[in-house]
């Protein structure tokens, strides 16, 4: 069998194998999805599979000694895959233990984001499955679990670059609701009357600000002060970056 991985799927291969056609000898009959994952590519990263020029949904079983030509294309922004159902809309996420800052940024942008620094892989996969969430992780083995339907391998080290990639890949621009969730615990915020919380405010905050929000779960107060100016600037940039119009023009 000859198999070729296109585009960013090369990230999962050894440098010498990127862009090249691999020759795989099958020792047993195998499902094409399993063959692809054995090469190191999680099923969540796949956008399309072609076997001998025909589009496949990942369920084809190849026989021992198969001479099939297989081409695997990556998942593309805004494109639905034949391999799985459409992702949740608006997107809901669950993140592994290494992505705490990314979780905070996604919450600031208004996305329902589950995160804990002590979840094991089985728990993360279960949450993704049972709550129909998109799993974001730096562990490719976690994305290969059968329970994980939607996911994205986080390639960058910098959380801002990570966020850019997620915004582009899942077209988050039009779905953002900035400052609508608690960045600490993910709970939707509720508007609160200033008179009810004025005793908690510092003198300058009490003097210059009138609109406040409260987290019903952790009792943290939020307001749009000077400290949010820079955050609003990068959220505005993120909205433009993750817009469908920009992706269409880029392609």
Protein backbone atom coordinates (compact mmCIF):
# COMPACT_ATOMS: atom_id res chain seq x y z
CA UNK A 1 0.00 0.00 0.00
CA UNK A 2 1.19 3.51 -0.82
CA UNK A 3 0.07 6.34 1.44
CA UNK A 4 0.72 10.07 1.28
CA UNK A 5 -0.10 12.69 3.91
CA UNK A 6 -0.77 16.23 2.73
CA UNK A 7 -0.28 19.66 4.30
CA UNK A 8 -0.01 20.01 8.06
CA UNK A 9 -0.44 16.26 8.56
CA UNK A 10 3.30 16.16 7.92
CA UNK A 11 3.69 17.59 11.44
CA UNK A 12 3.04 14.07 12.75
CA UNK A 13 5.71 12.42 10.60
CA UNK A 14 9.48 12.27 10.78
CA UNK A 15 11.03 15.15 8.77
CA UNK A 16 12.37 12.81 6.07
CA UNK A 17 8.87 11.40 5.47
CA UNK A 18 7.05 14.71 5.04
CA UNK A 19 5.66 15.15 1.54
CA UNK A 20 6.87 11.70 0.49
CA UNK A 21 4.85 8.62 -0.38
CA UNK A 22 5.11 5.95 2.30
CA UNK A 23 5.07 2.26 1.43
CA UNK A 24 3.26 0.25 4.10
CA UNK A 25 3.23 -3.55 4.03
CA UNK A 26 0.04 -4.86 5.66
CA UNK A 27 0.59 -7.92 7.84
CA UNK A 28 -3.16 -8.27 8.42
CA UNK A 29 -6.46 -6.92 7.18
CA UNK A 30 -6.91 -3.46 8.67
CA UNK A 31 -9.30 -0.52 8.72
CA UNK A 32 -7.87 2.48 6.84
CA UNK A 33 -8.42 4.77 9.85
CA UNK A 34 -6.38 2.40 12.01
CA UNK A 35 -3.62 2.28 9.40
CA UNK A 36 -3.46 6.07 9.28
CA UNK A 37 -3.29 6.34 13.07
CA UNK A 38 -0.55 3.70 13.16
CA UNK A 39 1.46 6.11 11.01
CA UNK A 40 1.12 8.69 13.80
CA UNK A 41 -1.78 10.83 12.53
CA UNK A 42 -4.83 11.14 14.86
CA UNK A 43 -8.23 10.70 13.21
CA UNK A 44 -9.35 14.12 14.49
CA UNK A 45 -6.78 15.79 12.19
CA UNK A 46 -8.07 14.15 9.00
CA UNK A 47 -10.29 16.07 6.61
CA UNK A 48 -10.51 13.64 3.71
CA UNK A 49 -9.25 10.22 2.61
CA UNK A 50 -8.98 9.04 -0.98
CA UNK A 51 -8.32 5.41 -1.86
CA UNK A 52 -7.43 4.84 -5.50
CA UNK A 53 -8.91 8.25 -6.26
CA UNK A 54 -12.25 7.62 -4.54
CA UNK A 55 -13.37 9.48 -1.41
CA UNK A 56 -13.58 7.22 1.64
CA UNK A 57 -15.25 7.69 5.03
CA UNK A 58 -12.49 5.92 6.95
CA UNK A 59 -14.26 2.59 7.29
CA UNK A 60 -12.72 0.69 4.36
CA UNK A 61 -10.83 -2.48 5.30
CA UNK A 62 -7.71 -3.20 3.24
CA UNK A 63 -6.46 -6.73 2.66
CA UNK A 64 -2.99 -8.13 3.19
CA UNK A 65 -0.76 -7.16 0.28
CA UNK A 66 -3.11 -4.38 -0.89
CA UNK A 67 -1.68 -2.17 -3.63
CA UNK A 68 -4.04 0.72 -2.89
CA UNK A 69 -2.97 4.34 -3.34
CA UNK A 70 -4.13 6.34 -0.31
CA UNK A 71 -4.03 10.13 -0.01
CA UNK A 72 -4.90 11.74 3.32
CA UNK A 73 -5.75 15.46 3.48
CA UNK A 74 -5.88 17.55 6.65
CA UNK A 75 -9.01 19.05 8.15
CA UNK A 76 -9.57 22.55 6.79
CA UNK A 77 -11.16 25.61 8.43
CA UNK A 78 -14.92 25.59 7.97
CA UNK A 79 -14.98 22.32 6.04
CA UNK A 80 -16.99 19.32 7.22
CA UNK A 81 -15.34 15.94 7.16
CA UNK A 82 -16.90 12.74 5.84
CA UNK A 83 -15.29 10.98 8.80
CA UNK A 84 -17.43 12.58 11.53
CA UNK A 85 -20.49 14.64 12.33
CA UNK A 86 -20.31 18.43 12.40
CA UNK A 87 -18.67 19.92 15.52
CA UNK A 88 -20.81 21.64 18.16
CA UNK A 89 -22.00 25.13 17.26
CA UNK A 90 -21.20 27.29 19.09
CA UNK A 91 -17.98 25.42 19.82
CA UNK A 92 -17.49 23.96 23.30
CA UNK A 93 -14.04 22.86 24.38
CA UNK A 94 -12.24 20.65 26.88
CA UNK A 95 -8.48 21.13 27.31
CA UNK A 96 -5.75 18.92 28.69
CA UNK A 97 -3.68 19.77 31.75
CA UNK A 98 -0.94 21.55 29.77
CA UNK A 99 -3.20 24.24 28.28
CA UNK A 100 -4.31 26.33 31.25
CA UNK A 101 -3.54 29.73 29.72
CA UNK A 102 -5.26 28.79 26.46
CA UNK A 103 -8.32 27.78 28.49
CA UNK A 104 -8.35 31.19 30.16
CA UNK A 105 -8.08 33.00 26.81
CA UNK A 106 -10.93 30.97 25.30
CA UNK A 107 -13.12 31.83 28.29
CA UNK A 108 -12.27 35.53 27.92
CA UNK A 109 -13.46 35.23 24.31
CA UNK A 110 -16.74 33.76 25.60
CA UNK A 111 -16.35 30.06 24.85
CA UNK A 112 -17.56 27.29 27.15
CA UNK A 113 -14.22 25.73 28.10
CA UNK A 114 -13.72 22.87 30.54
CA UNK A 115 -10.28 22.73 32.13
CA UNK A 116 -8.74 21.15 35.20
CA UNK A 117 -5.09 20.61 36.00
CA UNK A 118 -5.71 17.10 37.34
CA UNK A 119 -7.79 15.31 34.65
CA UNK A 120 -6.38 12.06 33.28
CA UNK A 121 -6.70 11.03 29.64
CA UNK A 122 -9.68 8.72 30.18
CA UNK A 123 -11.61 11.50 31.92
CA UNK A 124 -10.82 14.02 29.18
CA UNK A 125 -11.97 11.60 26.47
CA UNK A 126 -15.17 10.89 28.42
CA UNK A 127 -15.94 14.59 28.81
CA UNK A 128 -15.35 15.18 25.10
CA UNK A 129 -17.67 12.30 24.23
CA UNK A 130 -20.47 12.75 26.76
CA UNK A 131 -20.64 16.54 26.60
CA UNK A 132 -19.89 16.73 22.86
CA UNK A 133 -16.88 18.98 23.29
CA UNK A 134 -13.87 19.63 21.08
CA UNK A 135 -10.75 18.25 22.74
CA UNK A 136 -7.64 20.43 22.52
CA UNK A 137 -4.42 18.73 23.51
CA UNK A 138 -0.69 18.43 22.91
CA UNK A 139 -0.93 14.65 23.30
CA UNK A 140 -1.55 12.98 19.94
CA UNK A 141 -2.21 9.65 21.67
CA UNK A 142 -5.18 11.21 23.46
CA UNK A 143 -6.69 12.26 20.10
CA UNK A 144 -6.48 8.67 18.88
CA UNK A 145 -8.93 7.45 21.53
CA UNK A 146 -12.13 6.13 19.95
CA UNK A 147 -14.34 8.26 22.23
CA UNK A 148 -12.83 11.49 20.87
CA UNK A 149 -14.83 12.66 17.87
CA UNK A 150 -13.72 16.28 17.54
CA UNK A 151 -10.30 17.57 18.49
CA UNK A 152 -7.27 19.54 17.51
CA UNK A 153 -3.61 18.89 18.16
CA UNK A 154 -2.15 22.10 19.60
CA UNK A 155 1.14 22.65 17.85
CA UNK A 156 2.53 25.91 19.25
CA UNK A 157 4.13 26.60 22.64
CA UNK A 158 2.96 30.21 22.92
CA UNK A 159 -0.67 30.43 24.19
CA UNK A 160 -1.42 33.43 21.94
CA UNK A 161 -0.25 31.50 18.88
CA UNK A 162 -2.27 28.51 20.08
CA UNK A 163 -5.36 30.72 20.29
CA UNK A 164 -4.78 32.11 16.79
CA UNK A 165 -4.64 28.58 15.39
CA UNK A 166 -7.83 27.51 17.17
CA UNK A 167 -9.65 30.68 16.06
CA UNK A 168 -8.73 30.06 12.43
CA UNK A 169 -9.38 26.33 12.44
CA UNK A 170 -12.81 26.50 14.08
CA UNK A 171 -13.84 29.90 12.62
CA UNK A 172 -14.40 31.40 16.05
CA UNK A 173 -14.63 35.02 14.90
CA UNK A 174 -18.41 35.36 14.56
CA UNK A 175 -19.08 33.17 17.62
CA UNK A 176 -17.18 35.20 20.17
CA UNK A 177 -18.93 36.75 23.19
CA UNK A 178 -16.08 38.55 25.00
CA UNK A 179 -16.20 38.90 28.79
CA UNK A 180 -19.37 36.82 29.12
CA UNK A 181 -17.76 34.03 31.18
CA UNK A 182 -15.67 33.84 34.29
CA UNK A 183 -12.07 33.38 33.19
CA UNK A 184 -11.35 31.44 36.37
CA UNK A 185 -14.19 28.90 36.51
CA UNK A 186 -16.03 29.13 33.15
CA UNK A 187 -19.41 30.11 34.65
CA UNK A 188 -21.55 32.58 32.62
CA UNK A 189 -21.44 36.02 34.23
CA UNK A 190 -24.50 37.88 35.49
CA UNK A 191 -25.01 41.65 35.48
CA UNK A 192 -25.10 43.09 38.99
CA UNK A 193 -26.33 46.45 40.27
CA UNK A 194 -23.53 48.68 41.51
CA UNK A 195 -25.42 49.43 44.70
CA UNK A 196 -25.32 45.76 45.64
CA UNK A 197 -21.54 45.50 45.45
CA UNK A 198 -20.35 49.06 46.07
CA UNK A 199 -18.93 48.04 49.45
CA UNK A 200 -16.50 45.72 47.64
CA UNK A 201 -15.06 48.37 45.31
CA UNK A 202 -11.83 50.31 45.64
CA UNK A 203 -12.39 54.10 45.81
CA UNK A 204 -11.31 54.86 42.24
CA UNK A 205 -13.32 51.94 40.83
CA UNK A 206 -16.36 53.12 42.78
CA UNK A 207 -15.91 56.60 41.37
CA UNK A 208 -15.31 55.92 37.68
CA UNK A 209 -17.21 52.72 36.79
CA UNK A 210 -20.92 51.94 36.75
CA UNK A 211 -21.37 48.58 35.03
CA UNK A 212 -20.32 45.36 36.72
CA UNK A 213 -20.74 41.61 36.31
CA UNK A 214 -20.56 38.90 38.94
CA UNK A 215 -19.63 35.22 38.71
CA UNK A 216 -22.43 33.32 40.49
CA UNK A 217 -20.07 30.41 41.20
CA UNK A 218 -16.89 31.99 42.57
CA UNK A 219 -18.25 35.46 43.46
CA UNK A 220 -15.57 37.27 41.46
CA UNK A 221 -16.40 40.79 40.21
CA UNK A 222 -15.69 42.00 36.67
CA UNK A 223 -15.86 45.44 35.07
CA UNK A 224 -14.56 47.04 31.90
CA UNK A 225 -11.70 49.09 33.24
CA UNK A 226 -8.38 50.24 31.85
CA UNK A 227 -7.01 46.77 32.60
CA UNK A 228 -9.26 45.31 29.88
CA UNK A 229 -8.13 47.65 27.10
CA UNK A 230 -5.29 45.44 25.85
CA UNK A 231 -7.47 42.33 26.16
CA UNK A 232 -10.19 43.93 24.02
CA UNK A 233 -7.59 44.83 21.38
CA UNK A 234 -6.38 41.25 20.95
CA UNK A 235 -9.92 39.89 21.09
CA UNK A 236 -10.88 42.27 18.25
CA UNK A 237 -7.88 41.01 16.31
CA UNK A 238 -8.89 37.43 17.06
CA UNK A 239 -12.41 38.05 15.74
CA UNK A 240 -10.96 39.25 12.44
CA UNK A 241 -8.45 36.41 12.29
CA UNK A 242 -11.12 33.74 12.84
CA UNK A 243 -13.68 35.12 10.40
CA UNK A 244 -15.02 33.01 7.55
CA UNK A 245 -14.51 35.90 5.11
CA UNK A 246 -10.80 36.03 5.88
CA UNK A 247 -10.41 32.28 5.41
CA UNK A 248 -12.18 32.36 2.04
CA UNK A 249 -10.01 35.24 0.84
CA UNK A 250 -6.83 33.54 2.06
CA UNK A 251 -7.62 30.37 0.16
